[in-house]
Amino acid sequence: MKQESNFTESIKNIKEFAKYLKLSYSYHNAEELLKEHITLNTSLLEFYLDILQKESNARNENSKQNKIRAANFPYKKYLEDLKVEFLPKGAKEKLNIIQTLEFIQNGQNLILAGNPGTGKTHIAIGLGIKACMEGFKVFFCSTPHLINRLKEAKSNLTLLNIQRQFESYDLIILDELRIYFIR
């Protein structure tokens, strides 16, 4: 009975320390981690390494999800769900190249142009989500919305704030750019 009481008290203390240190995974899983350690009879070194690895993995996953949320995608689309067979020939050929995201690392621009319904937004969002998953900071916005935002910032004299914000992104995706040619 005393041993069970000590275990319960230890879990309570571990959770308090984990909360204070902002170790969310350890806070929520302290009891299961300890029970697993006891059951498997792992060494203290293995136990400590396991906790830190799981905490690190959880933070890494949370970071990816936060980046995806912060990117402001209108919905989630993944490159894996893209129906490649319906893409125009040029897009099919380039898809393998742009999926590497080297254009981001090289500071290159990527322009997806084509008729409505050809998969441009799906590709753009898919690339953006993939970039978030690989640790890049991404911003998604429709061009009309950005123009309104810039006009508003200009009238409020806050354009410099938007410039600084844009400089912090690794990838900026502008959707719905309409270009009209007058002949």
Protein backbone atom coordinates (compact mmCIF):
# COMPACT_ATOMS: atom_id res chain seq x y z
CA MET A 1 0.00 0.00 0.00
CA LYS A 2 2.82 2.39 0.91
CA GLN A 3 4.60 1.63 -2.37
CA GLU A 4 1.43 2.48 -4.33
CA SER A 5 1.11 5.73 -2.38
CA ASN A 6 4.74 6.62 -3.19
CA PHE A 7 4.12 5.87 -6.87
CA THR A 8 1.06 8.12 -6.93
CA GLU A 9 2.93 10.89 -5.12
CA SER A 10 5.92 10.51 -7.49
CA ILE A 11 3.64 10.78 -10.53
CA LYS A 12 2.07 13.91 -9.06
CA ASN A 13 5.52 15.47 -8.52
CA ILE A 14 6.75 14.46 -11.97
CA LYS A 15 3.67 16.05 -13.55
CA GLU A 16 4.24 19.27 -11.58
CA PHE A 17 7.85 19.48 -12.73
CA ALA A 18 6.89 18.59 -16.31
CA LYS A 19 4.24 21.31 -16.30
CA TYR A 20 6.68 23.87 -14.89
CA LEU A 21 9.33 22.90 -17.47
CA LYS A 22 6.70 22.90 -20.24
CA LEU A 23 7.29 19.24 -21.05
CA SER A 24 3.82 18.62 -22.39
CA TYR A 25 4.33 15.03 -23.55
CA SER A 26 5.88 14.04 -20.21
CA TYR A 27 3.09 15.81 -18.32
CA HIS A 28 0.34 13.95 -20.19
CA ASN A 29 2.10 10.57 -20.30
CA ALA A 30 4.10 10.41 -17.05
CA GLU A 31 2.24 7.48 -15.54
CA GLU A 32 2.32 5.38 -18.74
CA LEU A 33 6.02 6.13 -19.27
CA LEU A 34 6.87 5.07 -15.72
CA LYS A 35 4.75 1.92 -15.90
CA GLU A 36 6.40 0.99 -19.20
CA HIS A 37 9.85 1.55 -17.67
CA ILE A 38 8.97 -0.65 -14.68
CA THR A 39 7.45 -3.39 -16.86
CA LEU A 40 10.37 -3.49 -19.30
CA ASN A 41 12.90 -3.07 -16.48
CA THR A 42 14.96 -0.69 -18.60
CA SER A 43 18.02 1.05 -17.27
CA LEU A 44 17.76 4.60 -16.02
CA LEU A 45 19.79 5.75 -19.02
CA GLU A 46 17.41 4.03 -21.47
CA PHE A 47 14.41 5.42 -19.61
CA TYR A 48 15.76 8.97 -19.63
CA LEU A 49 16.71 8.73 -23.30
CA ASP A 50 13.26 7.37 -24.16
CA ILE A 51 11.49 10.21 -22.35
CA LEU A 52 13.62 12.88 -24.03
CA GLN A 53 13.19 11.28 -27.44
CA LYS A 54 9.41 11.07 -27.08
CA GLU A 55 9.25 14.65 -25.80
CA SER A 56 11.37 15.82 -28.72
CA ASN A 57 9.25 13.90 -31.25
CA ALA A 58 6.06 15.36 -29.77
CA ARG A 59 7.44 18.91 -29.93
CA ASN A 60 8.61 18.37 -33.49
CA GLU A 61 5.16 17.13 -34.53
CA ASN A 62 3.45 20.03 -32.70
CA SER A 63 5.78 22.47 -34.44
CA LYS A 64 4.80 21.07 -37.85
CA GLN A 65 1.09 21.29 -37.03
CA ASN A 66 1.51 24.85 -35.72
CA LYS A 67 3.32 25.85 -38.92
CA ILE A 68 0.49 24.40 -41.00
CA ARG A 69 -2.11 26.28 -38.91
CA ALA A 70 -0.12 29.53 -39.06
CA ALA A 71 0.27 29.27 -42.85
CA ASN A 72 -3.46 29.97 -43.12
CA PHE A 73 -4.30 27.40 -45.78
CA PRO A 74 -8.00 27.53 -46.76
CA TYR A 75 -8.09 23.72 -46.58
CA LYS A 76 -5.64 20.83 -46.51
CA LYS A 77 -4.51 19.31 -49.78
CA TYR A 78 -1.61 16.91 -50.01
CA LEU A 79 0.62 16.18 -52.98
CA GLU A 80 -0.01 12.46 -52.39
CA ASP A 81 -3.72 13.01 -53.11
CA LEU A 82 -3.09 14.82 -56.39
CA LYS A 83 -4.45 13.00 -59.41
CA VAL A 84 -1.30 13.32 -61.50
CA GLU A 85 -2.88 11.67 -64.54
CA PHE A 86 -5.23 14.66 -64.93
CA LEU A 87 -2.49 17.30 -64.81
CA PRO A 88 -1.35 19.06 -67.96
CA LYS A 89 1.76 17.49 -69.53
CA GLY A 90 4.13 20.28 -68.41
CA ALA A 91 2.94 20.05 -64.81
CA LYS A 92 3.46 16.29 -64.74
CA GLU A 93 7.04 16.72 -65.93
CA LYS A 94 7.88 19.42 -63.37
CA LEU A 95 6.08 17.95 -60.36
CA ASN A 96 8.94 15.64 -59.35
CA ILE A 97 11.36 18.56 -59.49
CA ILE A 98 9.30 21.02 -57.46
CA GLN A 99 8.38 18.37 -54.85
CA THR A 100 12.00 18.44 -53.68
CA LEU A 101 11.41 22.02 -52.45
CA GLU A 102 14.88 22.99 -53.71
CA PHE A 103 13.36 26.14 -55.16
CA ILE A 104 12.76 27.35 -51.58
CA GLN A 105 16.33 26.63 -50.50
CA ASN A 106 17.64 28.32 -53.66
CA GLY A 107 15.43 31.39 -53.15
CA GLN A 108 13.72 30.84 -56.49
CA ASN A 109 10.20 31.82 -57.46
CA LEU A 110 7.69 29.30 -58.70
CA ILE A 111 4.74 30.38 -60.82
CA LEU A 112 1.90 27.94 -61.44
CA ALA A 113 -0.09 29.15 -64.41
CA GLY A 114 -2.94 27.53 -66.27
CA ASN A 115 -6.64 27.31 -66.80
CA PRO A 116 -9.05 27.03 -63.86
CA GLY A 117 -9.41 23.50 -62.52
CA THR A 118 -5.98 22.26 -63.58
CA GLY A 119 -4.68 21.65 -60.03
CA LYS A 120 -2.67 24.82 -59.38
CA THR A 121 -4.15 25.50 -55.94
CA HIS A 122 -3.92 21.83 -54.98
CA ILE A 123 -0.24 21.78 -55.95
CA ALA A 124 0.43 25.09 -54.17
CA ILE A 125 -1.23 23.98 -50.93
CA GLY A 126 0.39 20.55 -51.17
CA LEU A 127 3.83 22.13 -51.59
CA GLY A 128 3.09 24.51 -48.72
CA ILE A 129 2.07 21.72 -46.36
CA LYS A 130 5.11 19.68 -47.37
CA ALA A 131 7.30 22.74 -46.70
CA CYS A 132 5.73 23.13 -43.24
CA MET A 133 6.38 19.46 -42.52
CA GLU A 134 10.03 20.00 -43.44
CA GLY A 135 10.35 22.95 -41.07
CA PHE A 136 9.85 25.90 -43.41
CA LYS A 137 7.75 28.89 -42.39
CA VAL A 138 4.95 29.33 -44.94
CA PHE A 139 2.29 31.97 -45.61
CA PHE A 140 -0.74 31.36 -47.86
CA CYS A 141 -3.00 34.16 -49.05
CA SER A 142 -5.23 34.94 -52.00
CA THR A 143 -3.92 37.79 -54.11
CA PRO A 144 -7.10 39.90 -53.76
CA HIS A 145 -6.92 39.52 -49.96
CA LEU A 146 -3.25 40.54 -49.95
CA ILE A 147 -3.97 43.61 -52.08
CA ASN A 148 -6.69 44.69 -49.64
CA ARG A 149 -4.34 44.09 -46.72
CA LEU A 150 -1.59 46.16 -48.37
CA LYS A 151 -4.01 49.01 -49.12
CA GLU A 152 -5.17 48.97 -45.50
CA ALA A 153 -1.58 48.91 -44.23
CA LYS A 154 -0.68 51.81 -46.49
CA SER A 155 -3.52 53.93 -45.11
CA ASN A 156 -2.58 52.94 -41.54
CA LEU A 157 1.11 53.58 -42.23
CA THR A 158 2.01 50.00 -41.26
CA LEU A 159 3.51 48.75 -44.52
CA LEU A 160 6.88 48.29 -42.83
CA ASN A 161 5.30 45.80 -40.42
CA ILE A 162 4.01 43.72 -43.32
CA GLN A 163 7.40 43.89 -45.03
CA ARG A 164 9.11 42.57 -41.88
CA GLN A 165 6.53 39.85 -41.54
CA PHE A 166 7.02 38.77 -45.16
CA GLU A 167 10.79 38.67 -44.73
CA SER A 168 10.35 36.07 -41.98
CA TYR A 169 8.70 33.53 -44.31
CA ASP A 170 10.56 30.89 -46.28
CA LEU A 171 7.68 30.41 -48.71
CA ILE A 172 4.87 32.79 -49.61
CA ILE A 173 2.03 31.36 -51.68
CA LEU A 174 -0.24 33.81 -53.47
CA ASP A 175 -3.30 32.19 -54.97
CA GLU A 176 -5.81 33.49 -57.48
CA LEU A 177 -3.55 35.88 -59.36
CA ARG A 178 -5.47 36.94 -62.45
CA ILE A 179 -3.52 38.30 -65.39
CA TYR A 180 -5.38 39.67 -68.35
CA PHE A 181 -3.81 40.34 -71.70
CA ILE A 182 -5.26 43.04 -73.88
CA ARG A 183 -4.79 42.41 -77.58
